[in-house]
C-alpha atoms as a PDB file:
ATOM      1  CA  UNK A   1      -5.562  59.816-102.763  1.00  0.00           C
ATOM      2  CA  UNK A   2      -4.993  58.609 -99.166  1.00  0.00           C
ATOM      3  CA  UNK A   3      -1.504  58.612 -97.735  1.00  0.00           C
ATOM      4  CA  UNK A   4       0.212  55.221 -97.451  1.00  0.00           C
ATOM      5  CA  UNK A   5       0.255  53.812 -93.930  1.00  0.00           C
ATOM      6  CA  UNK A   6       3.115  55.018 -91.773  1.00  0.00           C
ATOM      7  CA  UNK A   7       6.061  52.634 -91.827  1.00  0.00           C
ATOM      8  CA  UNK A   8       6.721  51.195 -88.376  1.00  0.00           C
ATOM      9  CA  UNK A   9       9.573  48.688 -88.627  1.00  0.00           C
ATOM     10  CA  UNK A  10       8.919  45.650 -86.477  1.00  0.00           C
ATOM     11  CA  UNK A  11      11.362  45.372 -83.604  1.00  0.00           C
ATOM     12  CA  UNK A  12      12.381  49.044 -83.618  1.00  0.00           C
ATOM     13  CA  UNK A  13      10.935  51.149 -80.845  1.00  0.00           C
ATOM     14  CA  UNK A  14       8.746  53.864 -82.434  1.00  0.00           C
ATOM     15  CA  UNK A  15      10.406  56.733 -80.549  1.00  0.00           C
ATOM     16  CA  UNK A  16      13.849  55.566 -81.712  1.00  0.00           C
ATOM     17  CA  UNK A  17      12.657  55.216 -85.301  1.00  0.00           C
ATOM     18  CA  UNK A  18      11.186  58.729 -85.127  1.00  0.00           C
ATOM     19  CA  UNK A  19      14.482  60.114 -83.780  1.00  0.00           C
ATOM     20  CA  UNK A  20      16.389  58.353 -86.578  1.00  0.00           C
ATOM     21  CA  UNK A  21      14.040  59.784 -89.199  1.00  0.00           C
ATOM     22  CA  UNK A  22      14.516  63.283 -87.765  1.00  0.00           C
ATOM     23  CA  UNK A  23      18.287  62.779 -87.996  1.00  0.00           C
ATOM     24  CA  UNK A  24      17.861  61.647 -91.604  1.00  0.00           C
ATOM     25  CA  UNK A  25      15.894  64.847 -92.339  1.00  0.00           C
ATOM     26  CA  UNK A  26      18.516  66.972 -90.552  1.00  0.00           C
ATOM     27  CA  UNK A  27      21.365  65.490 -92.569  1.00  0.00           C
ATOM     28  CA  UNK A  28      19.523  64.824 -95.837  1.00  0.00           C
ATOM     29  CA  UNK A  29      22.022  66.786 -97.945  1.00  0.00           C
ATOM     30  CA  UNK A  30      24.871  64.513 -96.850  1.00  0.00           C
ATOM     31  CA  UNK A  31      23.225  61.083 -96.805  1.00  0.00           C
ATOM     32  CA  UNK A  32      21.255  58.822 -99.112  1.00  0.00           C
ATOM     33  CA  UNK A  33      17.709  58.320 -97.862  1.00  0.00           C
ATOM     34  CA  UNK A  34      16.807  54.833 -99.054  1.00  0.00           C
ATOM     35  CA  UNK A  35      18.358  52.709 -96.282  1.00  0.00           C
ATOM     36  CA  UNK A  36      19.500  53.454 -92.740  1.00  0.00           C
ATOM     37  CA  UNK A  37      20.949  51.709 -89.726  1.00  0.00           C
ATOM     38  CA  UNK A  38      19.539  52.248 -86.245  1.00  0.00           C
ATOM     39  CA  UNK A  39      21.380  51.135 -83.103  1.00  0.00           C
ATOM     40  CA  UNK A  40      19.213  50.807 -79.998  1.00  0.00           C
ATOM     41  CA  UNK A  41      21.680  51.124 -77.138  1.00  0.00           C
ATOM     42  CA  UNK A  42      18.844  50.937 -74.599  1.00  0.00           C
ATOM     43  CA  UNK A  43      18.722  47.187 -75.305  1.00  0.00           C
ATOM     44  CA  UNK A  44      21.198  44.666 -73.924  1.00  0.00           C
ATOM     45  CA  UNK A  45      23.989  43.395 -76.171  1.00  0.00           C
ATOM     46  CA  UNK A  46      22.256  40.012 -75.912  1.00  0.00           C
ATOM     47  CA  UNK A  47      19.488  41.406 -78.147  1.00  0.00           C
ATOM     48  CA  UNK A  48      19.691  42.068 -81.908  1.00  0.00           C
ATOM     49  CA  UNK A  49      19.786  45.862 -81.616  1.00  0.00           C
ATOM     50  CA  UNK A  50      21.439  46.995 -84.878  1.00  0.00           C
ATOM     51  CA  UNK A  51      18.437  47.456 -87.146  1.00  0.00           C
ATOM     52  CA  UNK A  52      19.105  47.663 -90.886  1.00  0.00           C
ATOM     53  CA  UNK A  53      16.048  49.386 -92.321  1.00  0.00           C
ATOM     54  CA  UNK A  54      15.206  49.477 -96.021  1.00  0.00           C
ATOM     55  CA  UNK A  55      12.901  52.484 -96.177  1.00  0.00           C
ATOM     56  CA  UNK A  56      11.908  51.985 -99.825  1.00  0.00           C
ATOM     57  CA  UNK A  57      10.965  48.310 -99.569  1.00  0.00           C
ATOM     58  CA  UNK A  58       9.854  48.510 -95.926  1.00  0.00           C
ATOM     59  CA  UNK A  59      12.048  45.638 -94.784  1.00  0.00           C
ATOM     60  CA  UNK A  60      14.209  45.242 -91.717  1.00  0.00           C
ATOM     61  CA  UNK A  61      17.044  42.984 -90.628  1.00  0.00           C
ATOM     62  CA  UNK A  62      18.315  43.113 -87.061  1.00  0.00           C
ATOM     63  CA  UNK A  63      21.809  42.083 -85.976  1.00  0.00           C
ATOM     64  CA  UNK A  64      23.693  41.912 -82.708  1.00  0.00           C
ATOM     65  CA  UNK A  65      26.219  44.708 -82.167  1.00  0.00           C
ATOM     66  CA  UNK A  66      28.756  45.335 -79.417  1.00  0.00           C
ATOM     67  CA  UNK A  67      29.238  48.575 -77.522  1.00  0.00           C
ATOM     68  CA  UNK A  68      32.449  50.051 -76.159  1.00  0.00           C
ATOM     69  CA  UNK A  69      34.147  48.865 -72.979  1.00  0.00           C
ATOM     70  CA  UNK A  70      34.197  52.467 -71.733  1.00  0.00           C
ATOM     71  CA  UNK A  71      30.414  52.519 -72.016  1.00  0.00           C
ATOM     72  CA  UNK A  72      30.034  49.412 -69.840  1.00  0.00           C
ATOM     73  CA  UNK A  73      33.024  49.229 -67.461  1.00  0.00           C
ATOM     74  CA  UNK A  74      31.505  46.419 -65.362  1.00  0.00           C
ATOM     75  CA  UNK A  75      30.727  44.383 -68.522  1.00  0.00           C
ATOM     76  CA  UNK A  76      27.072  43.912 -67.688  1.00  0.00           C
ATOM     77  CA  UNK A  77      25.945  43.795 -71.325  1.00  0.00           C
ATOM     78  CA  UNK A  78      24.141  47.119 -70.885  1.00  0.00           C
ATOM     79  CA  UNK A  79      25.480  50.452 -72.129  1.00  0.00           C
ATOM     80  CA  UNK A  80      25.837  52.804 -69.158  1.00  0.00           C
ATOM     81  CA  UNK A  81      27.263  55.954 -70.758  1.00  0.00           C
ATOM     82  CA  UNK A  82      28.450  57.548 -73.982  1.00  0.00           C
ATOM     83  CA  UNK A  83      31.603  59.500 -74.684  1.00  0.00           C
ATOM     84  CA  UNK A  84      33.081  61.340 -77.633  1.00  0.00           C
ATOM     85  CA  UNK A  85      36.501  61.712 -75.992  1.00  0.00           C
ATOM     86  CA  UNK A  86      39.735  60.262 -77.345  1.00  0.00           C
ATOM     87  CA  UNK A  87      40.865  57.217 -75.370  1.00  0.00           C
ATOM     88  CA  UNK A  88      37.477  56.685 -73.706  1.00  0.00           C
ATOM     89  CA  UNK A  89      36.829  53.338 -75.461  1.00  0.00           C
ATOM     90  CA  UNK A  90      33.166  54.298 -75.239  1.00  0.00           C
ATOM     91  CA  UNK A  91      30.416  54.276 -77.815  1.00  0.00           C
ATOM     92  CA  UNK A  92      29.096  57.634 -79.007  1.00  0.00           C
ATOM     93  CA  UNK A  93      25.501  58.560 -79.702  1.00  0.00           C
ATOM     94  CA  UNK A  94      24.138  60.436 -82.676  1.00  0.00           C
ATOM     95  CA  UNK A  95      24.038  60.324 -86.453  1.00  0.00           C
ATOM     96  CA  UNK A  96      26.883  58.853 -88.489  1.00  0.00           C
ATOM     97  CA  UNK A  97      27.638  58.905 -92.192  1.00  0.00           C
ATOM     98  CA  UNK A  98      28.974  55.622 -93.543  1.00  0.00           C
ATOM     99  CA  UNK A  99      32.204  56.298 -95.403  1.00  0.00           C
ATOM    100  CA  UNK A 100      34.821  54.240 -97.230  1.00  0.00           C
ATOM    101  CA  UNK A 101      35.949  50.667 -96.643  1.00  0.00           C
ATOM    102  CA  UNK A 102      39.479  49.674 -95.731  1.00  0.00           C
ATOM    103  CA  UNK A 103      41.398  46.665 -94.444  1.00  0.00           C
ATOM    104  CA  UNK A 104      42.790  46.961 -90.918  1.00  0.00           C
ATOM    105  CA  UNK A 105      43.362  44.966 -87.756  1.00  0.00           C
ATOM    106  CA  UNK A 106      39.815  43.554 -87.898  1.00  0.00           C
ATOM    107  CA  UNK A 107      39.862  42.855 -91.636  1.00  0.00           C
ATOM    108  CA  UNK A 108      37.422  44.699 -93.863  1.00  0.00           C
ATOM    109  CA  UNK A 109      36.023  47.675 -91.978  1.00  0.00           C
ATOM    110  CA  UNK A 110      34.040  50.811 -92.761  1.00  0.00           C
ATOM    111  CA  UNK A 111      34.843  54.290 -91.533  1.00  0.00           C
ATOM    112  CA  UNK A 112      32.134  56.360 -89.872  1.00  0.00           C
ATOM    113  CA  UNK A 113      31.895  60.149 -89.887  1.00  0.00           C
ATOM    114  CA  UNK A 114      30.172  61.643 -86.850  1.00  0.00           C
ATOM    115  CA  UNK A 115      27.558  64.187 -87.918  1.00  0.00           C
ATOM    116  CA  UNK A 116      26.566  65.464 -84.467  1.00  0.00           C
ATOM    117  CA  UNK A 117      28.430  67.187 -81.620  1.00  0.00           C
ATOM    118  CA  UNK A 118      28.024  63.975 -79.582  1.00  0.00           C
ATOM    119  CA  UNK A 119      30.068  61.897 -82.061  1.00  0.00           C
ATOM    120  CA  UNK A 120      32.093  64.496 -83.976  1.00  0.00           C
ATOM    121  CA  UNK A 121      35.387  62.760 -83.113  1.00  0.00           C
ATOM    122  CA  UNK A 122      34.417  59.431 -84.705  1.00  0.00           C
ATOM    123  CA  UNK A 123      36.973  59.638 -87.530  1.00  0.00           C
ATOM    124  CA  UNK A 124      39.774  60.779 -85.246  1.00  0.00           C
ATOM    125  CA  UNK A 125      38.874  58.043 -82.728  1.00  0.00           C
ATOM    126  CA  UNK A 126      38.736  55.446 -85.533  1.00  0.00           C
ATOM    127  CA  UNK A 127      35.138  54.506 -84.677  1.00  0.00           C
ATOM    128  CA  UNK A 128      34.188  52.109 -87.466  1.00  0.00           C
ATOM    129  CA  UNK A 129      32.021  49.122 -88.322  1.00  0.00           C
ATOM    130  CA  UNK A 130      34.040  45.919 -88.182  1.00  0.00           C
ATOM    131  CA  UNK A 131      33.635  42.226 -87.590  1.00  0.00           C
ATOM    132  CA  UNK A 132      34.700  40.570 -84.365  1.00  0.00           C
ATOM    133  CA  UNK A 133      34.626  37.093 -82.866  1.00  0.00           C
ATOM    134  CA  UNK A 134      33.346  38.554 -79.582  1.00  0.00           C
ATOM    135  CA  UNK A 135      30.253  39.917 -81.355  1.00  0.00           C
ATOM    136  CA  UNK A 136      29.127  36.565 -82.767  1.00  0.00           C
ATOM    137  CA  UNK A 137      25.642  35.563 -81.582  1.00  0.00           C
ATOM    138  CA  UNK A 138      27.053  32.333 -80.072  1.00  0.00           C
ATOM    139  CA  UNK A 139      28.730  34.482 -77.397  1.00  0.00           C
ATOM    140  CA  UNK A 140      25.284  35.052 -75.900  1.00  0.00           C
ATOM    141  CA  UNK A 141      24.726  31.354 -75.255  1.00  0.00           C
ATOM    142  CA  UNK A 142      28.138  31.076 -73.618  1.00  0.00           C
ATOM    143  CA  UNK A 143      28.240  34.385 -71.701  1.00  0.00           C
ATOM    144  CA  UNK A 144      24.754  35.940 -71.802  1.00  0.00           C
ATOM    145  CA  UNK A 145      26.091  38.983 -73.668  1.00  0.00           C
ATOM    146  CA  UNK A 146      28.520  40.056 -76.369  1.00  0.00           C
ATOM    147  CA  UNK A 147      32.070  41.146 -75.740  1.00  0.00           C
ATOM    148  CA  UNK A 148      32.933  44.847 -75.925  1.00  0.00           C
ATOM    149  CA  UNK A 149      34.707  46.952 -78.526  1.00  0.00           C
ATOM    150  CA  UNK A 150      36.795  50.091 -78.119  1.00  0.00           C
ATOM    151  CA  UNK A 151      33.774  52.155 -79.112  1.00  0.00           C
ATOM    152  CA  UNK A 152      33.239  50.684 -82.577  1.00  0.00           C
ATOM    153  CA  UNK A 153      30.081  49.099 -83.942  1.00  0.00           C
ATOM    154  CA  UNK A 154      31.381  45.525 -83.935  1.00  0.00           C
ATOM    155  CA  UNK A 155      29.190  42.792 -85.414  1.00  0.00           C
ATOM    156  CA  UNK A 156      29.939  39.104 -85.714  1.00  0.00           C
ATOM    157  CA  UNK A 157      32.422  38.259 -88.456  1.00  0.00           C
ATOM    158  CA  UNK A 158      29.814  35.928 -89.974  1.00  0.00           C
ATOM    159  CA  UNK A 159      27.270  38.784 -90.241  1.00  0.00           C
ATOM    160  CA  UNK A 160      29.491  41.657 -91.329  1.00  0.00           C
ATOM    161  CA  UNK A 161      28.678  41.327 -95.027  1.00  0.00           C
ATOM    162  CA  UNK A 162      24.951  41.739 -94.239  1.00  0.00           C
ATOM    163  CA  UNK A 163      25.644  45.116 -92.647  1.00  0.00           C
ATOM    164  CA  UNK A 164      27.985  46.211 -95.440  1.00  0.00           C
ATOM    165  CA  UNK A 165      25.594  45.051 -98.188  1.00  0.00           C
ATOM    166  CA  UNK A 166      22.736  46.985 -96.607  1.00  0.00           C
ATOM    167  CA  UNK A 167      24.512  50.209 -95.797  1.00  0.00           C
ATOM    168  CA  UNK A 168      27.178  50.849 -98.414  1.00  0.00           C
ATOM    169  CA  UNK A 169      28.759  54.286 -98.486  1.00  0.00           C
ATOM    170  CA  UNK A 170      26.865  57.525 -97.893  1.00  0.00           C
ATOM    171  CA  UNK A 171      24.098  56.267 -95.621  1.00  0.00           C
ATOM    172  CA  UNK A 172      22.985  57.203 -92.131  1.00  0.00           C
ATOM    173  CA  UNK A 173      23.424  55.218 -88.943  1.00  0.00           C
ATOM    174  CA  UNK A 174      21.654  56.594 -85.901  1.00  0.00           C
ATOM    175  CA  UNK A 175      22.774  55.339 -82.484  1.00  0.00           C
ATOM    176  CA  UNK A 176      21.008  56.291 -79.264  1.00  0.00           C
ATOM    177  CA  UNK A 177      19.792  55.169 -75.866  1.00  0.00           C
ATOM    178  CA  UNK A 178      16.309  56.531 -75.330  1.00  0.00           C
ATOM    179  CA  UNK A 179      14.539  56.121 -71.995  1.00  0.00           C
END
């Protein structure tokens, strides 16, 4: 019996998808393998770069997501650098495990556990998924880019439930900037 065709989610760069799948294989004992999130930090914040991929049904939804102010000090809309340091206000690269939900300063939010050395301080830094007015797509029309977070994956308040419904607890998010 021939193998099914390789899944290549539309809108996700193949090399980034491959890196995310390798991260899923690396961390397969800790994460569920049916759905993942992929953040393409090589794209501008004006682009929908948070890809929610349903691996079983081969479907994808892409959302806008902000990056940290420490990753883009000049507020160009482009991520310049990553950091895993406390107080950096920067985004971190690598694989994350989605954890529990809680209510905080941004309303309903979801904790992220860093699975790699490049994001191992995510819990301590309170790097989470949350909604934010500055991550609404209408910011692009007004400013040409989204606002910036303190390193969190901030999506528009109006789209937050889409991310939460897709990911749930125990799934992988892979964030990277590949050349």
